[in-house]
Amino acid sequence: MRALGLDIGDRRVGIAVSDETGTIASPHGVCTRRSPPEDALHLARLARELGAEAIVVGLPLNMDGTEGDQAKKARELAEAIAQEAGLPVHYVDERLTSAEVERAMREGGLSQRARKRRADALSAVLILQAWLDRTRRG
């Protein structure tokens, strides 16, 4: 099962896609946000083009596990994408994902400029991979 992973931010959306077996997540890039309706159409179209059967979205929960404004915004866009694409949407707790990506890129010796360009897509990879791993374990 191919899935599309999204790290939804205010300015950009990091995108990852799984292989056809639903085993490995890979970065697919970043799209710059325009407006919620345009973003939903664009990302739903991308999901269809890639043959995705599910959409996986990182949910930016507060450290105490509650949902704040950012989580609400992510849910709203995710639901609009799912409705437009006719696909199920799944959520993954993305707390600390950005910090993990930043640490890994710094340890990998990437420059600050390179880290900034890749961070959103790599966060989407971690989100999607967490869901793929959890799904396979059942």
Protein backbone atom coordinates (compact mmCIF):
# COMPACT_ATOMS: atom_id res chain seq x y z
CA MET A 1 0.00 0.00 0.00
CA ARG A 2 1.46 3.32 -1.06
CA ALA A 3 0.90 6.21 1.36
CA LEU A 4 1.54 9.94 1.23
CA GLY A 5 3.09 11.51 4.33
CA LEU A 6 2.67 15.20 5.11
CA ASP A 7 4.33 17.56 7.57
CA ILE A 8 1.96 20.53 7.47
CA GLY A 9 3.36 23.90 8.48
CA ASP A 10 2.13 27.45 8.13
CA ARG A 11 4.40 28.23 5.16
CA ARG A 12 5.37 24.85 3.72
CA VAL A 13 4.24 21.24 3.56
CA GLY A 14 6.90 18.55 3.66
CA ILE A 15 5.97 15.57 1.50
CA ALA A 16 7.05 11.93 1.70
CA VAL A 17 5.83 8.86 -0.14
CA SER A 18 6.13 5.18 0.62
CA ASP A 19 7.11 2.44 -1.76
CA GLU A 20 4.31 0.26 -3.17
CA THR A 21 4.76 -2.33 -0.42
CA GLY A 22 4.27 0.24 2.34
CA THR A 23 7.67 -0.54 3.82
CA ILE A 24 9.97 2.44 3.23
CA ALA A 25 9.22 6.17 3.27
CA SER A 26 11.22 8.51 1.03
CA PRO A 27 11.27 12.30 0.71
CA HIS A 28 9.23 13.67 -2.16
CA GLY A 29 9.85 17.39 -1.66
CA VAL A 30 8.20 20.45 -0.24
CA CYS A 31 5.36 22.62 -1.46
CA THR A 32 4.88 26.23 -0.49
CA ARG A 33 1.49 26.97 1.04
CA ARG A 34 -0.89 29.25 -0.86
CA SER A 35 -4.37 28.99 0.64
CA PRO A 36 -6.11 26.05 2.33
CA PRO A 37 -8.40 25.32 -0.66
CA GLU A 38 -5.52 25.52 -3.17
CA ASP A 39 -3.28 23.43 -0.92
CA ALA A 40 -5.98 20.76 -0.53
CA LEU A 41 -6.50 20.53 -4.31
CA HIS A 42 -2.77 20.40 -5.04
CA LEU A 43 -1.99 17.75 -2.42
CA ALA A 44 -5.05 15.63 -3.31
CA ARG A 45 -3.97 15.70 -6.96
CA LEU A 46 -0.45 14.67 -5.94
CA ALA A 47 -1.83 11.79 -3.86
CA ARG A 48 -3.81 10.55 -6.86
CA GLU A 49 -0.83 10.94 -9.23
CA LEU A 50 1.39 8.93 -6.89
CA GLY A 51 -1.23 6.23 -6.45
CA ALA A 52 -1.53 6.76 -2.71
CA GLU A 53 -4.13 4.72 -0.86
CA ALA A 54 -3.81 6.67 2.40
CA ILE A 55 -2.65 10.03 3.69
CA VAL A 56 -0.57 10.24 6.86
CA VAL A 57 -0.30 13.60 8.58
CA GLY A 58 1.92 14.68 11.44
CA LEU A 59 -0.11 16.13 14.29
CA PRO A 60 1.85 18.77 16.21
CA LEU A 61 0.61 18.07 19.73
CA ASN A 62 1.60 20.12 22.73
CA MET A 63 4.15 18.50 25.03
CA ASP A 64 1.32 17.49 27.40
CA GLY A 65 -0.43 15.64 24.55
CA THR A 66 -3.21 18.16 24.00
CA GLU A 67 -4.06 19.69 20.64
CA GLY A 68 -3.40 23.38 20.14
CA ASP A 69 -3.92 25.77 17.24
CA GLN A 70 -1.29 24.15 15.00
CA ALA A 71 -2.83 20.70 15.44
CA LYS A 72 -6.25 22.12 14.60
CA LYS A 73 -4.89 23.73 11.42
CA ALA A 74 -3.18 20.48 10.40
CA ARG A 75 -6.39 18.49 10.98
CA GLU A 76 -8.48 20.95 8.95
CA LEU A 77 -6.16 20.82 5.94
CA ALA A 78 -5.73 17.05 6.24
CA GLU A 79 -9.49 16.51 6.25
CA ALA A 80 -9.88 18.76 3.20
CA ILE A 81 -7.16 16.83 1.34
CA ALA A 82 -8.67 13.49 2.31
CA GLN A 83 -12.13 14.56 1.19
CA GLU A 84 -10.82 15.92 -2.12
CA ALA A 85 -8.74 12.79 -2.78
CA GLY A 86 -11.32 10.33 -1.45
CA LEU A 87 -8.68 8.72 0.78
CA PRO A 88 -8.49 7.88 4.47
CA VAL A 89 -6.34 10.11 6.65
CA HIS A 90 -4.26 8.90 9.57
CA TYR A 91 -2.48 11.01 12.18
CA VAL A 92 0.90 10.53 13.82
CA ASP A 93 2.13 12.40 16.88
CA GLU A 94 4.95 14.51 15.51
CA ARG A 95 6.27 15.93 18.78
CA LEU A 96 10.05 16.22 18.60
CA THR A 97 10.19 15.21 14.92
CA SER A 98 11.71 18.53 13.87
CA ALA A 99 14.32 18.34 16.61
CA GLU A 100 15.22 14.78 15.58
CA VAL A 101 15.58 15.79 11.92
CA GLU A 102 17.70 18.84 12.81
CA ARG A 103 20.01 16.76 15.02
CA ALA A 104 20.46 14.08 12.37
CA MET A 105 21.23 16.62 9.64
CA ARG A 106 23.70 18.48 11.85
CA GLU A 107 25.42 15.19 12.70
CA GLY A 108 25.48 14.41 8.99
CA GLY A 109 27.46 17.60 8.37
CA LEU A 110 24.83 19.43 6.33
CA SER A 111 25.14 23.19 6.14
CA GLN A 112 22.44 25.36 7.65
CA ARG A 113 21.18 26.21 4.16
CA ALA A 114 20.97 22.53 3.19
CA ARG A 115 19.24 21.69 6.47
CA LYS A 116 16.62 24.37 5.89
CA ARG A 117 15.85 23.06 2.39
CA ARG A 118 15.48 19.45 3.49
CA ALA A 119 13.95 19.67 6.99
CA ASP A 120 10.26 19.65 6.03
CA ALA A 121 10.51 16.70 3.65
CA LEU A 122 12.62 14.71 6.12
CA SER A 123 10.11 15.40 8.88
CA ALA A 124 7.43 14.02 6.57
CA VAL A 125 9.60 10.91 6.08
CA LEU A 126 9.83 10.33 9.85
CA ILE A 127 6.08 10.82 10.25
CA LEU A 128 5.24 8.42 7.42
CA GLN A 129 7.83 5.84 8.47
CA ALA A 130 6.48 5.81 12.04
CA TRP A 131 3.00 5.07 10.68
CA LEU A 132 4.26 2.41 8.25
CA ASP A 133 6.16 0.66 11.04
CA ARG A 134 3.16 0.79 13.39
CA THR A 135 0.82 -0.48 10.66
CA ARG A 136 3.03 -3.43 9.75
CA ARG A 137 3.34 -4.51 13.37
CA GLY A 138 -0.45 -4.46 13.52
